[in-house]
Structure formats: C-alpha cells, structure tokens
C-alpha cells in the first residue's frame, strides 16, 4: 500500500468515527460534549503560543488553520478541512472550538469562549475566539 492509499484509508476511518459513530453515541448532546472534550484535549496537549495551534491542527489531521484577524478581546480563525463530510452528513467543529478556547484561555489568562460556523459554499469553517479581559482565570 503506497502513501496515498494509506492516507485515504486513514481519512475514511476518521470520517466514520467523526461523522457517524460519535454522532450516534453522543446524540443530542454531541456539540456540548465535543466542546468540553476539546477543552480537555487542550489540557493534555498544552501550547505555549497560539501560533502552535496551526501546526497542531495539521498534525491532528483537522485541516489548515489560519489566523485571519485579532482585536483586543478576540481572534478570528479559518479552517480548511481535509475531510469534508459526504453530502447529507453534518459535521460539528465543536471539538476544535473547545480546543482553541482552552488554549487561548491558558495562554492569555482570561476567560475565553469559541464560536464556530461552517461556511457551506467553500467548506471553510470560521472560529471566533472571544475573551473577557475583566475575568482573569
């Protein structure tokens, strides 16, 4: 099996778990559980600066993460995913959102939340990290 075939098999297995198995197991609580699982994952794989998230996303097979804009209390990221779900299958990106929120919170020291939105026409997912500079963790 060559490298391209191996990558395809790995992608297919990832899609099965991500888009079908987790949704079946987690049911209506999927988004909330994945968000908290992402935060837990961030605690197990801490970053020292947010720029490291770009490399982490690539190594995890989550896609290509790009920082689009920052302000005094927020940051905006775009994610081009490698494995878009088949038509009719909806994928939540709350795992990635929770991961980003917890990393930013740990690095900045401020209470942080992350909101995700999938832009359907081009397959790009956007994340808005928002932190409260008045709430120190």
C-alpha atoms as a PDB file:
ATOM      1  CA  UNK A   1       0.000   0.000   0.000  1.00  0.00           C
ATOM      2  CA  UNK A   2       1.520   3.309  -1.049  1.00  0.00           C
ATOM      3  CA  UNK A   3       1.387   6.537   0.972  1.00  0.00           C
ATOM      4  CA  UNK A   4      -1.626   7.916  -0.925  1.00  0.00           C
ATOM      5  CA  UNK A   5      -3.630   4.740  -0.308  1.00  0.00           C
ATOM      6  CA  UNK A   6      -2.658   4.761   3.374  1.00  0.00           C
ATOM      7  CA  UNK A   7      -3.779   8.381   3.690  1.00  0.00           C
ATOM      8  CA  UNK A   8      -7.125   7.547   2.078  1.00  0.00           C
ATOM      9  CA  UNK A   9      -7.733   4.631   4.433  1.00  0.00           C
ATOM     10  CA  UNK A  10      -6.860   6.773   7.437  1.00  0.00           C
ATOM     11  CA  UNK A  11      -9.158   9.562   6.232  1.00  0.00           C
ATOM     12  CA  UNK A  12     -12.026   7.151   5.688  1.00  0.00           C
ATOM     13  CA  UNK A  13     -11.629   5.694   9.179  1.00  0.00           C
ATOM     14  CA  UNK A  14     -11.518   9.173  10.664  1.00  0.00           C
ATOM     15  CA  UNK A  15     -14.688  10.138   8.791  1.00  0.00           C
ATOM     16  CA  UNK A  16     -16.519   7.036  10.003  1.00  0.00           C
ATOM     17  CA  UNK A  17     -15.754   7.795  13.625  1.00  0.00           C
ATOM     18  CA  UNK A  18     -16.161  11.561  13.401  1.00  0.00           C
ATOM     19  CA  UNK A  19     -19.313  11.781  11.300  1.00  0.00           C
ATOM     20  CA  UNK A  20     -21.210   8.636  12.251  1.00  0.00           C
ATOM     21  CA  UNK A  21     -20.038   6.843  15.399  1.00  0.00           C
ATOM     22  CA  UNK A  22     -19.679   9.912  17.639  1.00  0.00           C
ATOM     23  CA  UNK A  23     -22.985  11.356  16.485  1.00  0.00           C
ATOM     24  CA  UNK A  24     -24.736   8.070  17.289  1.00  0.00           C
ATOM     25  CA  UNK A  25     -23.141   7.718  20.710  1.00  0.00           C
ATOM     26  CA  UNK A  26     -23.455  11.332  21.839  1.00  0.00           C
ATOM     27  CA  UNK A  27     -26.888  12.036  20.369  1.00  0.00           C
ATOM     28  CA  UNK A  28     -28.421  15.430  21.070  1.00  0.00           C
ATOM     29  CA  UNK A  29     -25.544  16.331  23.417  1.00  0.00           C
ATOM     30  CA  UNK A  30     -22.874  15.886  20.736  1.00  0.00           C
ATOM     31  CA  UNK A  31     -21.972  19.578  20.369  1.00  0.00           C
ATOM     32  CA  UNK A  32     -21.676  20.241  24.101  1.00  0.00           C
ATOM     33  CA  UNK A  33     -19.682  17.078  24.816  1.00  0.00           C
ATOM     34  CA  UNK A  34     -17.296  17.654  21.909  1.00  0.00           C
ATOM     35  CA  UNK A  35     -16.661  21.233  23.051  1.00  0.00           C
ATOM     36  CA  UNK A  36     -15.708  20.060  26.549  1.00  0.00           C
ATOM     37  CA  UNK A  37     -13.697  17.186  25.083  1.00  0.00           C
ATOM     38  CA  UNK A  38     -11.760  19.748  23.032  1.00  0.00           C
ATOM     39  CA  UNK A  39     -11.020  21.735  26.182  1.00  0.00           C
ATOM     40  CA  UNK A  40      -9.836  18.557  27.913  1.00  0.00           C
ATOM     41  CA  UNK A  41      -7.672  17.691  24.910  1.00  0.00           C
ATOM     42  CA  UNK A  42      -6.065  21.137  25.108  1.00  0.00           C
ATOM     43  CA  UNK A  43      -5.137  20.492  28.744  1.00  0.00           C
ATOM     44  CA  UNK A  44      -3.428  17.245  27.720  1.00  0.00           C
ATOM     45  CA  UNK A  45      -1.601  18.875  24.780  1.00  0.00           C
ATOM     46  CA  UNK A  46      -0.814  22.410  26.003  1.00  0.00           C
ATOM     47  CA  UNK A  47       0.529  25.011  23.624  1.00  0.00           C
ATOM     48  CA  UNK A  48       2.827  27.831  24.684  1.00  0.00           C
ATOM     49  CA  UNK A  49       1.750  30.301  22.000  1.00  0.00           C
ATOM     50  CA  UNK A  50      -1.377  30.266  19.841  1.00  0.00           C
ATOM     51  CA  UNK A  51       0.696  30.088  16.652  1.00  0.00           C
ATOM     52  CA  UNK A  52       1.444  26.465  17.598  1.00  0.00           C
ATOM     53  CA  UNK A  53      -2.244  25.669  17.025  1.00  0.00           C
ATOM     54  CA  UNK A  54      -1.624  25.856  13.268  1.00  0.00           C
ATOM     55  CA  UNK A  55       0.890  23.010  13.424  1.00  0.00           C
ATOM     56  CA  UNK A  56      -1.231  21.039  15.904  1.00  0.00           C
ATOM     57  CA  UNK A  57      -4.267  21.172  13.598  1.00  0.00           C
ATOM     58  CA  UNK A  58      -2.193  19.896  10.660  1.00  0.00           C
ATOM     59  CA  UNK A  59      -0.644  17.077  12.698  1.00  0.00           C
ATOM     60  CA  UNK A  60      -4.033  16.070  14.121  1.00  0.00           C
ATOM     61  CA  UNK A  61      -5.481  15.907  10.610  1.00  0.00           C
ATOM     62  CA  UNK A  62      -8.030  18.600  11.409  1.00  0.00           C
ATOM     63  CA  UNK A  63      -7.045  20.811   8.475  1.00  0.00           C
ATOM     64  CA  UNK A  64      -5.219  24.028   7.707  1.00  0.00           C
ATOM     65  CA  UNK A  65      -5.828  26.680  10.371  1.00  0.00           C
ATOM     66  CA  UNK A  66      -5.240  30.343   9.523  1.00  0.00           C
ATOM     67  CA  UNK A  67      -5.347  33.364  11.819  1.00  0.00           C
ATOM     68  CA  UNK A  68      -7.412  35.985   9.977  1.00  0.00           C
ATOM     69  CA  UNK A  69      -7.657  38.876  12.440  1.00  0.00           C
ATOM     70  CA  UNK A  70      -7.147  39.822  16.076  1.00  0.00           C
ATOM     71  CA  UNK A  71      -8.582  42.585  18.224  1.00  0.00           C
ATOM     72  CA  UNK A  72      -8.067  43.494  21.885  1.00  0.00           C
ATOM     73  CA  UNK A  73     -10.549  40.823  23.019  1.00  0.00           C
ATOM     74  CA  UNK A  74     -10.985  38.403  20.132  1.00  0.00           C
ATOM     75  CA  UNK A  75      -9.296  36.427  17.380  1.00  0.00           C
ATOM     76  CA  UNK A  76     -10.742  35.079  14.151  1.00  0.00           C
ATOM     77  CA  UNK A  77      -9.515  31.881  12.531  1.00  0.00           C
ATOM     78  CA  UNK A  78     -10.405  29.994   9.354  1.00  0.00           C
ATOM     79  CA  UNK A  79     -10.092  26.248   8.941  1.00  0.00           C
ATOM     80  CA  UNK A  80      -9.872  24.476   5.597  1.00  0.00           C
ATOM     81  CA  UNK A  81     -10.678  20.869   6.434  1.00  0.00           C
ATOM     82  CA  UNK A  82      -9.147  17.918   4.616  1.00  0.00           C
ATOM     83  CA  UNK A  83     -12.052  15.543   5.067  1.00  0.00           C
ATOM     84  CA  UNK A  84     -15.339  17.217   4.322  1.00  0.00           C
ATOM     85  CA  UNK A  85     -18.324  15.021   5.152  1.00  0.00           C
ATOM     86  CA  UNK A  86     -20.323  13.431   2.373  1.00  0.00           C
ATOM     87  CA  UNK A  87     -23.442  15.267   1.278  1.00  0.00           C
ATOM     88  CA  UNK A  88     -26.255  14.907   3.755  1.00  0.00           C
ATOM     89  CA  UNK A  89     -23.842  14.431   6.677  1.00  0.00           C
ATOM     90  CA  UNK A  90     -23.401  17.358   9.022  1.00  0.00           C
ATOM     91  CA  UNK A  91     -20.155  17.752  10.945  1.00  0.00           C
ATOM     92  CA  UNK A  92     -19.775  19.831  14.039  1.00  0.00           C
ATOM     93  CA  UNK A  93     -16.438  21.510  14.733  1.00  0.00           C
ATOM     94  CA  UNK A  94     -17.053  21.964  18.446  1.00  0.00           C
ATOM     95  CA  UNK A  95     -14.063  19.746  19.322  1.00  0.00           C
ATOM     96  CA  UNK A  96     -11.752  22.168  17.542  1.00  0.00           C
ATOM     97  CA  UNK A  97     -13.581  25.167  19.039  1.00  0.00           C
ATOM     98  CA  UNK A  98     -13.170  23.829  22.575  1.00  0.00           C
ATOM     99  CA  UNK A  99      -9.505  23.112  21.912  1.00  0.00           C
ATOM    100  CA  UNK A 100      -8.872  26.681  20.698  1.00  0.00           C
ATOM    101  CA  UNK A 101     -10.860  28.221  23.577  1.00  0.00           C
ATOM    102  CA  UNK A 102      -8.927  26.346  26.250  1.00  0.00           C
ATOM    103  CA  UNK A 103      -5.530  27.067  24.668  1.00  0.00           C
ATOM    104  CA  UNK A 104      -6.295  30.797  24.397  1.00  0.00           C
ATOM    105  CA  UNK A 105      -7.632  30.865  27.963  1.00  0.00           C
ATOM    106  CA  UNK A 106      -4.498  29.168  29.315  1.00  0.00           C
ATOM    107  CA  UNK A 107      -2.155  31.416  27.330  1.00  0.00           C
ATOM    108  CA  UNK A 108      -3.933  34.737  27.963  1.00  0.00           C
ATOM    109  CA  UNK A 109      -5.230  34.057  31.476  1.00  0.00           C
ATOM    110  CA  UNK A 110      -8.697  35.403  30.563  1.00  0.00           C
ATOM    111  CA  UNK A 111     -11.996  33.514  30.411  1.00  0.00           C
ATOM    112  CA  UNK A 112     -12.395  32.506  26.743  1.00  0.00           C
ATOM    113  CA  UNK A 113     -15.149  31.028  24.575  1.00  0.00           C
ATOM    114  CA  UNK A 114     -15.047  29.973  20.930  1.00  0.00           C
ATOM    115  CA  UNK A 115     -17.847  30.037  18.384  1.00  0.00           C
ATOM    116  CA  UNK A 116     -17.697  28.093  15.123  1.00  0.00           C
ATOM    117  CA  UNK A 117     -19.580  28.454  11.869  1.00  0.00           C
ATOM    118  CA  UNK A 118     -19.235  26.371   8.728  1.00  0.00           C
ATOM    119  CA  UNK A 119     -19.360  28.376   5.539  1.00  0.00           C
ATOM    120  CA  UNK A 120     -21.061  25.897   3.233  1.00  0.00           C
ATOM    121  CA  UNK A 121     -20.129  27.283  -0.193  1.00  0.00           C
ATOM    122  CA  UNK A 122     -16.372  26.730   0.150  1.00  0.00           C
ATOM    123  CA  UNK A 123     -16.080  24.259   3.026  1.00  0.00           C
ATOM    124  CA  UNK A 124     -14.289  26.747   5.274  1.00  0.00           C
ATOM    125  CA  UNK A 125     -15.049  26.742   8.993  1.00  0.00           C
ATOM    126  CA  UNK A 126     -14.633  30.016  10.864  1.00  0.00           C
ATOM    127  CA  UNK A 127     -13.880  30.349  14.558  1.00  0.00           C
ATOM    128  CA  UNK A 128     -14.298  33.427  16.724  1.00  0.00           C
ATOM    129  CA  UNK A 129     -12.367  33.312  19.975  1.00  0.00           C
ATOM    130  CA  UNK A 130     -13.703  35.845  22.446  1.00  0.00           C
ATOM    131  CA  UNK A 131     -12.104  36.529  25.818  1.00  0.00           C
ATOM    132  CA  UNK A 132     -13.248  38.672  28.720  1.00  0.00           C
ATOM    133  CA  UNK A 133     -10.376  40.926  29.801  1.00  0.00           C
ATOM    134  CA  UNK A 134     -12.263  41.590  33.067  1.00  0.00           C
ATOM    135  CA  UNK A 135     -12.424  37.914  34.050  1.00  0.00           C
ATOM    136  CA  UNK A 136      -8.989  36.563  34.966  1.00  0.00           C
ATOM    137  CA  UNK A 137      -8.657  32.789  35.306  1.00  0.00           C
END
